[in-house]
Amino acid sequence: MRISLFTDIHANREALSACLAHAAKLGTERYAFLGDLVGYGADPAWVIDTVQEYCHDNAICVLGNHDDAVLTGPRPGMRDEARAVVEWTCAQLGKQHLEFLQRLPLQVELDDMLFVHANAWSPRQWGYILSAFDARSSIAATRRRYTFCGHVHEPQLYHMGADWRAAAFTPVAGTPVRLSSQRRWLAIPGAVGQPRDGIPAACYALFDTANHTLTYYRVPYDTATAAAKIRAAGLPPNLATRLELGH
């Protein structure tokens, strides 16, 4: 099965549309959305509607911290710009959108795979995986061989052997990585809607369960339109600039 992995869409219609079209051409058979459907971008209702349609067709979707903030309010420590967008987003969503977010689980297990937004050791605390040590903590918290998560807006790949030592592997866009069955893996596809590694192109990944290969992709999209919508909505202007610069 070919499973396409999308995370941190952040209400970016243009980026999600481009990634979905790209994934469809590759023969994707199932879709997984790893949280943060909303936040930062200007099309939260459209993104939720679109993801909900895919969920009706057996897609996987988990809750992200920005999705949770729309439901329960911003967490302490959330940046001012993020708080402002949470308030704005709430005003854009209808009852059906909020009900969909409320139904989302924190994590989903399927066969030998775990899908979660932030990490496996404490999904609702929203801790970041920023190092091999963090990745090991997450891998050790589940019995699944493959963990797919988001939250970090840069593509990352970690692996851990039988000696419990974890290491990072740098993925190259478009180059399949064979995930050895002798190791356990944690993959972060990067952000669809707000990449932060200096490359504006949207990120997602495709996992082939038959061949045990994971391929990261970068998909160019209409960043100018997405940024213009953010400015027109009166959202913090640096959020628009971030899309244009990729960081």
C-alpha atoms as a PDB file:
ATOM      1  CA  MET A   1       0.000   0.000   0.000  1.00  0.00           C
ATOM      2  CA  ARG A   2       1.165   3.509  -0.790  1.00  0.00           C
ATOM      3  CA  ILE A   3       0.372   5.889   2.070  1.00  0.00           C
ATOM      4  CA  SER A   4       0.918   9.622   1.604  1.00  0.00           C
ATOM      5  CA  LEU A   5       1.763  11.520   4.784  1.00  0.00           C
ATOM      6  CA  PHE A   6       0.760  15.151   5.248  1.00  0.00           C
ATOM      7  CA  THR A   7       1.339  17.257   8.325  1.00  0.00           C
ATOM      8  CA  ASP A   8       1.213  20.884   9.441  1.00  0.00           C
ATOM      9  CA  ILE A   9      -1.062  22.016   6.631  1.00  0.00           C
ATOM     10  CA  HIS A  10      -1.843  25.156   8.622  1.00  0.00           C
ATOM     11  CA  ALA A  11      -4.832  26.310   6.598  1.00  0.00           C
ATOM     12  CA  ASN A  12      -2.763  26.647   3.425  1.00  0.00           C
ATOM     13  CA  ARG A  13      -5.138  25.777   0.595  1.00  0.00           C
ATOM     14  CA  GLU A  14      -2.652  26.289  -2.202  1.00  0.00           C
ATOM     15  CA  ALA A  15      -0.009  24.054  -0.628  1.00  0.00           C
ATOM     16  CA  LEU A  16      -2.420  21.249   0.244  1.00  0.00           C
ATOM     17  CA  SER A  17      -4.001  21.297  -3.211  1.00  0.00           C
ATOM     18  CA  ALA A  18      -0.596  20.977  -4.857  1.00  0.00           C
ATOM     19  CA  CYS A  19       0.497  18.121  -2.570  1.00  0.00           C
ATOM     20  CA  LEU A  20      -2.741  16.180  -2.986  1.00  0.00           C
ATOM     21  CA  ALA A  21      -2.502  16.445  -6.764  1.00  0.00           C
ATOM     22  CA  HIS A  22       1.133  15.321  -6.664  1.00  0.00           C
ATOM     23  CA  ALA A  23       0.332  12.360  -4.413  1.00  0.00           C
ATOM     24  CA  ALA A  24      -2.575  11.263  -6.602  1.00  0.00           C
ATOM     25  CA  LYS A  25      -0.294  11.091  -9.655  1.00  0.00           C
ATOM     26  CA  LEU A  26       2.014   8.762  -7.710  1.00  0.00           C
ATOM     27  CA  GLY A  27      -0.797   6.294  -7.141  1.00  0.00           C
ATOM     28  CA  THR A  28      -1.453   6.985  -3.467  1.00  0.00           C
ATOM     29  CA  GLU A  29      -3.882   4.431  -2.031  1.00  0.00           C
ATOM     30  CA  ARG A  30      -4.394   5.908   1.423  1.00  0.00           C
ATOM     31  CA  TYR A  31      -3.841   9.311   3.001  1.00  0.00           C
ATOM     32  CA  ALA A  32      -2.694  10.194   6.512  1.00  0.00           C
ATOM     33  CA  PHE A  33      -2.987  13.698   7.961  1.00  0.00           C
ATOM     34  CA  LEU A  34      -0.748  14.147  10.997  1.00  0.00           C
ATOM     35  CA  GLY A  35      -2.329  17.177  12.629  1.00  0.00           C
ATOM     36  CA  ASP A  36      -2.321  20.972  12.578  1.00  0.00           C
ATOM     37  CA  LEU A  37      -4.891  21.352   9.853  1.00  0.00           C
ATOM     38  CA  VAL A  38      -5.399  24.954  10.985  1.00  0.00           C
ATOM     39  CA  GLY A  39      -3.342  27.854  12.274  1.00  0.00           C
ATOM     40  CA  TYR A  40      -1.207  30.483  10.493  1.00  0.00           C
ATOM     41  CA  GLY A  41      -2.962  30.293   7.107  1.00  0.00           C
ATOM     42  CA  ALA A  42      -6.082  31.892   5.675  1.00  0.00           C
ATOM     43  CA  ASP A  43      -8.203  28.900   4.577  1.00  0.00           C
ATOM     44  CA  PRO A  44      -9.002  26.843   7.695  1.00  0.00           C
ATOM     45  CA  ALA A  45     -12.579  25.946   6.712  1.00  0.00           C
ATOM     46  CA  TRP A  46     -11.573  24.785   3.223  1.00  0.00           C
ATOM     47  CA  VAL A  47      -8.743  22.652   4.596  1.00  0.00           C
ATOM     48  CA  ILE A  48     -10.972  20.972   7.185  1.00  0.00           C
ATOM     49  CA  ASP A  49     -13.684  20.351   4.575  1.00  0.00           C
ATOM     50  CA  THR A  50     -11.121  18.801   2.236  1.00  0.00           C
ATOM     51  CA  VAL A  51      -9.516  16.577   4.859  1.00  0.00           C
ATOM     52  CA  GLN A  52     -12.940  15.490   6.066  1.00  0.00           C
ATOM     53  CA  GLU A  53     -13.791  14.336   2.543  1.00  0.00           C
ATOM     54  CA  TYR A  54     -10.644  12.201   2.500  1.00  0.00           C
ATOM     55  CA  CYS A  55     -11.533  10.796   5.923  1.00  0.00           C
ATOM     56  CA  HIS A  56     -14.866   9.689   4.514  1.00  0.00           C
ATOM     57  CA  ASP A  57     -12.763   7.653   2.080  1.00  0.00           C
ATOM     58  CA  ASN A  58     -10.741   5.942   4.854  1.00  0.00           C
ATOM     59  CA  ALA A  59      -7.999   8.522   5.400  1.00  0.00           C
ATOM     60  CA  ILE A  60      -6.261   8.727   8.772  1.00  0.00           C
ATOM     61  CA  CYS A  61      -6.256  12.025  10.663  1.00  0.00           C
ATOM     62  CA  VAL A  62      -4.957  12.940  14.113  1.00  0.00           C
ATOM     63  CA  LEU A  63      -5.232  16.047  16.261  1.00  0.00           C
ATOM     64  CA  GLY A  64      -2.510  18.694  16.265  1.00  0.00           C
ATOM     65  CA  ASN A  65      -1.737  21.363  18.852  1.00  0.00           C
ATOM     66  CA  HIS A  66      -3.181  24.199  16.742  1.00  0.00           C
ATOM     67  CA  ASP A  67      -6.323  22.154  16.150  1.00  0.00           C
ATOM     68  CA  ASP A  68      -6.543  21.589  19.899  1.00  0.00           C
ATOM     69  CA  ALA A  69      -6.013  25.302  20.600  1.00  0.00           C
ATOM     70  CA  VAL A  70      -9.043  26.149  18.460  1.00  0.00           C
ATOM     71  CA  LEU A  71     -11.105  23.793  20.626  1.00  0.00           C
ATOM     72  CA  THR A  72      -9.714  24.542  24.087  1.00  0.00           C
ATOM     73  CA  GLY A  73      -7.893  27.859  23.795  1.00  0.00           C
ATOM     74  CA  PRO A  74      -4.198  28.668  23.347  1.00  0.00           C
ATOM     75  CA  ARG A  75      -1.760  26.892  25.649  1.00  0.00           C
ATOM     76  CA  PRO A  76       0.534  28.890  27.960  1.00  0.00           C
ATOM     77  CA  GLY A  77       3.664  29.811  26.073  1.00  0.00           C
ATOM     78  CA  MET A  78       2.022  29.983  22.648  1.00  0.00           C
ATOM     79  CA  ARG A  79       3.456  32.885  20.678  1.00  0.00           C
ATOM     80  CA  ASP A  80       1.378  36.037  20.294  1.00  0.00           C
ATOM     81  CA  GLU A  81       1.060  35.611  16.525  1.00  0.00           C
ATOM     82  CA  ALA A  82      -0.207  32.053  16.975  1.00  0.00           C
ATOM     83  CA  ARG A  83      -2.718  33.210  19.594  1.00  0.00           C
ATOM     84  CA  ALA A  84      -4.030  35.869  17.236  1.00  0.00           C
ATOM     85  CA  VAL A  85      -4.526  33.314  14.481  1.00  0.00           C
ATOM     86  CA  VAL A  86      -6.314  30.915  16.844  1.00  0.00           C
ATOM     87  CA  GLU A  87      -8.860  33.618  17.678  1.00  0.00           C
ATOM     88  CA  TRP A  88      -9.288  34.514  13.999  1.00  0.00           C
ATOM     89  CA  THR A  89      -9.608  30.864  13.004  1.00  0.00           C
ATOM     90  CA  CYS A  90     -12.366  30.229  15.532  1.00  0.00           C
ATOM     91  CA  ALA A  91     -14.414  32.960  13.859  1.00  0.00           C
ATOM     92  CA  GLN A  92     -14.001  31.297  10.441  1.00  0.00           C
ATOM     93  CA  LEU A  93     -15.206  27.842  11.428  1.00  0.00           C
ATOM     94  CA  GLY A  94     -18.711  26.472  11.683  1.00  0.00           C
ATOM     95  CA  LYS A  95     -20.145  23.944  14.081  1.00  0.00           C
ATOM     96  CA  GLN A  96     -19.413  21.063  11.719  1.00  0.00           C
ATOM     97  CA  HIS A  97     -15.744  22.026  11.520  1.00  0.00           C
ATOM     98  CA  LEU A  98     -15.364  22.119  15.291  1.00  0.00           C
ATOM     99  CA  GLU A  99     -17.179  18.814  15.669  1.00  0.00           C
ATOM    100  CA  PHE A 100     -14.783  17.212  13.190  1.00  0.00           C
ATOM    101  CA  LEU A 101     -11.765  18.482  15.128  1.00  0.00           C
ATOM    102  CA  GLN A 102     -13.288  17.270  18.393  1.00  0.00           C
ATOM    103  CA  ARG A 103     -13.557  13.749  17.011  1.00  0.00           C
ATOM    104  CA  LEU A 104      -9.904  13.522  16.028  1.00  0.00           C
ATOM    105  CA  PRO A 105      -7.782  11.103  18.080  1.00  0.00           C
ATOM    106  CA  LEU A 106      -4.351  11.977  19.419  1.00  0.00           C
ATOM    107  CA  GLN A 107      -2.848   8.961  17.697  1.00  0.00           C
ATOM    108  CA  VAL A 108      -3.759   6.083  15.404  1.00  0.00           C
ATOM    109  CA  GLU A 109      -2.117   2.657  15.233  1.00  0.00           C
ATOM    110  CA  LEU A 110      -2.358   0.652  12.036  1.00  0.00           C
ATOM    111  CA  ASP A 111      -0.479  -2.620  11.575  1.00  0.00           C
ATOM    112  CA  ASP A 112       3.149  -1.785  12.451  1.00  0.00           C
ATOM    113  CA  MET A 113       2.657   1.983  12.113  1.00  0.00           C
ATOM    114  CA  LEU A 114       1.886   4.771  14.568  1.00  0.00           C
ATOM    115  CA  PHE A 115       0.519   8.109  13.395  1.00  0.00           C
ATOM    116  CA  VAL A 116       0.743  11.035  15.844  1.00  0.00           C
ATOM    117  CA  HIS A 117       1.286  14.777  15.648  1.00  0.00           C
ATOM    118  CA  ALA A 118       4.086  15.517  18.100  1.00  0.00           C
ATOM    119  CA  ASN A 119       5.526  12.391  19.723  1.00  0.00           C
ATOM    120  CA  ALA A 120       4.608   8.992  21.127  1.00  0.00           C
ATOM    121  CA  TRP A 121       5.759   9.481  24.716  1.00  0.00           C
ATOM    122  CA  SER A 122       3.165  12.116  25.613  1.00  0.00           C
ATOM    123  CA  PRO A 123       1.044  13.142  22.622  1.00  0.00           C
ATOM    124  CA  ARG A 124      -1.037  15.804  24.370  1.00  0.00           C
ATOM    125  CA  GLN A 125       1.965  17.632  25.834  1.00  0.00           C
ATOM    126  CA  TRP A 126       3.087  18.519  22.299  1.00  0.00           C
ATOM    127  CA  GLY A 127       6.805  18.099  22.935  1.00  0.00           C
ATOM    128  CA  TYR A 128       9.070  18.542  19.904  1.00  0.00           C
ATOM    129  CA  ILE A 129      11.437  15.970  18.447  1.00  0.00           C
ATOM    130  CA  LEU A 130      14.544  18.026  17.822  1.00  0.00           C
ATOM    131  CA  SER A 131      17.313  15.458  18.252  1.00  0.00           C
ATOM    132  CA  ALA A 132      18.148  11.772  18.099  1.00  0.00           C
ATOM    133  CA  PHE A 133      17.643  11.627  21.876  1.00  0.00           C
ATOM    134  CA  ASP A 134      14.086  12.942  21.484  1.00  0.00           C
ATOM    135  CA  ALA A 135      13.462  10.496  18.662  1.00  0.00           C
ATOM    136  CA  ARG A 136      14.647   7.585  20.798  1.00  0.00           C
ATOM    137  CA  SER A 137      12.261   8.612  23.579  1.00  0.00           C
ATOM    138  CA  SER A 138       9.387   8.578  21.119  1.00  0.00           C
ATOM    139  CA  ILE A 139      10.377   5.298  19.463  1.00  0.00           C
ATOM    140  CA  ALA A 140      10.766   3.643  22.869  1.00  0.00           C
ATOM    141  CA  ALA A 141       7.249   4.713  23.843  1.00  0.00           C
ATOM    142  CA  THR A 142       5.589   2.530  21.189  1.00  0.00           C
ATOM    143  CA  ARG A 143       5.914  -1.044  20.008  1.00  0.00           C
ATOM    144  CA  ARG A 144       5.295  -0.018  16.413  1.00  0.00           C
ATOM    145  CA  ARG A 145       8.223  -0.211  14.017  1.00  0.00           C
ATOM    146  CA  TYR A 146       7.330   2.964  12.119  1.00  0.00           C
ATOM    147  CA  THR A 147       6.295   6.243  13.736  1.00  0.00           C
ATOM    148  CA  PHE A 148       5.071   9.072  11.539  1.00  0.00           C
ATOM    149  CA  CYS A 149       4.664  12.488  13.126  1.00  0.00           C
ATOM    150  CA  GLY A 150       4.757  16.204  12.440  1.00  0.00           C
ATOM    151  CA  HIS A 151       5.018  19.304  14.651  1.00  0.00           C
ATOM    152  CA  VAL A 152       8.584  19.986  13.480  1.00  0.00           C
ATOM    153  CA  HIS A 153       8.323  21.900  10.215  1.00  0.00           C
ATOM    154  CA  GLU A 154      11.437  20.399   8.638  1.00  0.00           C
ATOM    155  CA  PRO A 155      11.832  16.977   7.024  1.00  0.00           C
ATOM    156  CA  GLN A 156      13.615  14.585   9.396  1.00  0.00           C
ATOM    157  CA  LEU A 157      14.252  10.847   9.615  1.00  0.00           C
ATOM    158  CA  TYR A 158      15.556   8.923  12.629  1.00  0.00           C
ATOM    159  CA  HIS A 159      16.305   5.257  13.227  1.00  0.00           C
ATOM    160  CA  MET A 160      17.116   3.113  16.246  1.00  0.00           C
ATOM    161  CA  GLY A 161      18.826  -0.283  16.368  1.00  0.00           C
ATOM    162  CA  ALA A 162      18.664  -3.159  18.833  1.00  0.00           C
ATOM    163  CA  ASP A 163      21.268  -1.400  20.997  1.00  0.00           C
ATOM    164  CA  TRP A 164      18.765   1.459  21.546  1.00  0.00           C
ATOM    165  CA  ARG A 165      21.095   3.966  19.949  1.00  0.00           C
ATOM    166  CA  ALA A 166      19.259   6.455  17.754  1.00  0.00           C
ATOM    167  CA  ALA A 167      20.690   8.408  14.868  1.00  0.00           C
ATOM    168  CA  ALA A 168      19.479  10.880  12.285  1.00  0.00           C
ATOM    169  CA  PHE A 169      19.391  10.245   8.555  1.00  0.00           C
ATOM    170  CA  THR A 170      19.148  13.162   6.147  1.00  0.00           C
ATOM    171  CA  PRO A 171      16.498  12.452   3.498  1.00  0.00           C
ATOM    172  CA  VAL A 172      16.920  13.734  -0.048  1.00  0.00           C
ATOM    173  CA  ALA A 173      13.727  14.816  -1.795  1.00  0.00           C
ATOM    174  CA  GLY A 174      12.649  12.347  -4.469  1.00  0.00           C
ATOM    175  CA  THR A 175      15.067   9.611  -3.376  1.00  0.00           C
ATOM    176  CA  PRO A 176      13.452   6.530  -1.803  1.00  0.00           C
ATOM    177  CA  VAL A 177      14.915   5.410   1.527  1.00  0.00           C
ATOM    178  CA  ARG A 178      14.621   1.724   2.361  1.00  0.00           C
ATOM    179  CA  LEU A 179      13.556   1.351   5.980  1.00  0.00           C
ATOM    180  CA  SER A 180      15.420  -1.723   7.182  1.00  0.00           C
ATOM    181  CA  SER A 181      13.398  -4.189   9.229  1.00  0.00           C
ATOM    182  CA  GLN A 182      16.400  -4.474  11.550  1.00  0.00           C
ATOM    183  CA  ARG A 183      15.728  -0.972  12.828  1.00  0.00           C
ATOM    184  CA  ARG A 184      12.834   1.089  14.104  1.00  0.00           C
ATOM    185  CA  TRP A 185      12.053   4.391  12.440  1.00  0.00           C
ATOM    186  CA  LEU A 186      10.592   7.807  13.139  1.00  0.00           C
ATOM    187  CA  ALA A 187       9.792   9.997  10.166  1.00  0.00           C
ATOM    188  CA  ILE A 188       8.777  13.653  10.063  1.00  0.00           C
ATOM    189  CA  PRO A 189       7.588  14.560   6.545  1.00  0.00           C
ATOM    190  CA  GLY A 190       8.061  18.320   7.015  1.00  0.00           C
ATOM    191  CA  ALA A 191       5.279  20.879   6.741  1.00  0.00           C
ATOM    192  CA  VAL A 192       2.803  21.073   3.898  1.00  0.00           C
ATOM    193  CA  GLY A 193       1.698  24.570   4.764  1.00  0.00           C
ATOM    194  CA  GLN A 194       4.642  26.309   6.387  1.00  0.00           C
ATOM    195  CA  PRO A 195       8.124  24.872   5.707  1.00  0.00           C
ATOM    196  CA  ARG A 196      10.903  26.343   7.853  1.00  0.00           C
ATOM    197  CA  ASP A 197      14.087  25.025   6.298  1.00  0.00           C
ATOM    198  CA  GLY A 198      14.628  27.859   3.839  1.00  0.00           C
ATOM    199  CA  ILE A 199      12.839  26.116   0.957  1.00  0.00           C
ATOM    200  CA  PRO A 200       9.348  27.514   0.269  1.00  0.00           C
ATOM    201  CA  ALA A 201       8.129  24.378  -1.548  1.00  0.00           C
ATOM    202  CA  ALA A 202       5.607  22.277   0.387  1.00  0.00           C
ATOM    203  CA  CYS A 203       6.686  19.000   1.995  1.00  0.00           C
ATOM    204  CA  TYR A 204       5.092  15.587   2.268  1.00  0.00           C
ATOM    205  CA  ALA A 205       6.219  11.953   2.155  1.00  0.00           C
ATOM    206  CA  LEU A 206       5.037   8.639   0.723  1.00  0.00           C
ATOM    207  CA  PHE A 207       5.496   5.298   2.492  1.00  0.00           C
ATOM    208  CA  ASP A 208       5.298   2.118   0.426  1.00  0.00           C
ATOM    209  CA  THR A 209       4.409  -0.658   2.861  1.00  0.00           C
ATOM    210  CA  ALA A 210       5.167  -3.402   0.334  1.00  0.00           C
ATOM    211  CA  ASN A 211       8.703  -2.252  -0.429  1.00  0.00           C
ATOM    212  CA  HIS A 212       9.319  -0.623   2.962  1.00  0.00           C
ATOM    213  CA  THR A 213      10.496   2.558   1.269  1.00  0.00           C
ATOM    214  CA  LEU A 214       9.870   6.146   2.307  1.00  0.00           C
ATOM    215  CA  THR A 215      10.206   8.985  -0.168  1.00  0.00           C
ATOM    216  CA  TYR A 216      10.173  12.653   0.777  1.00  0.00           C
ATOM    217  CA  TYR A 217       8.869  15.174  -1.735  1.00  0.00           C
ATOM    218  CA  ARG A 218       9.058  18.943  -2.217  1.00  0.00           C
ATOM    219  CA  VAL A 219       6.168  20.403  -4.190  1.00  0.00           C
ATOM    220  CA  PRO A 220       6.231  23.998  -5.497  1.00  0.00           C
ATOM    221  CA  TYR A 221       2.934  25.834  -5.109  1.00  0.00           C
ATOM    222  CA  ASP A 222       1.459  29.323  -5.476  1.00  0.00           C
ATOM    223  CA  THR A 223       3.086  30.902  -2.427  1.00  0.00           C
ATOM    224  CA  ALA A 224       2.197  34.398  -3.652  1.00  0.00           C
ATOM    225  CA  THR A 225      -1.528  33.710  -3.479  1.00  0.00           C
ATOM    226  CA  ALA A 226      -1.303  31.994  -0.094  1.00  0.00           C
ATOM    227  CA  ALA A 227       0.717  34.914   1.303  1.00  0.00           C
ATOM    228  CA  ALA A 228      -1.634  37.495  -0.188  1.00  0.00           C
ATOM    229  CA  LYS A 229      -4.597  35.826   1.505  1.00  0.00           C
ATOM    230  CA  ILE A 230      -2.859  36.023   4.871  1.00  0.00           C
ATOM    231  CA  ARG A 231      -2.227  39.745   4.434  1.00  0.00           C
ATOM    232  CA  ALA A 232      -5.770  40.383   3.191  1.00  0.00           C
ATOM    233  CA  ALA A 233      -7.188  38.618   6.250  1.00  0.00           C
ATOM    234  CA  GLY A 234      -5.276  40.970   8.537  1.00  0.00           C
ATOM    235  CA  LEU A 235      -3.220  38.158  10.055  1.00  0.00           C
ATOM    236  CA  PRO A 236       0.353  38.824  11.249  1.00  0.00           C
ATOM    237  CA  PRO A 237       2.280  39.811   8.105  1.00  0.00           C
ATOM    238  CA  ASN A 238       5.384  37.833   9.020  1.00  0.00           C
ATOM    239  CA  LEU A 239       3.335  34.670   8.469  1.00  0.00           C
ATOM    240  CA  ALA A 240       2.993  35.647   4.831  1.00  0.00           C
ATOM    241  CA  THR A 241       6.691  36.447   4.537  1.00  0.00           C
ATOM    242  CA  ARG A 242       7.550  33.087   6.047  1.00  0.00           C
ATOM    243  CA  LEU A 243       5.729  31.301   3.223  1.00  0.00           C
ATOM    244  CA  GLU A 244       7.601  33.323   0.630  1.00  0.00           C
ATOM    245  CA  LEU A 245      11.027  32.717   2.215  1.00  0.00           C
ATOM    246  CA  GLY A 246      10.515  29.240   3.616  1.00  0.00           C
ATOM    247  CA  HIS A 247      11.667  30.111   7.129  1.00  0.00           C
END
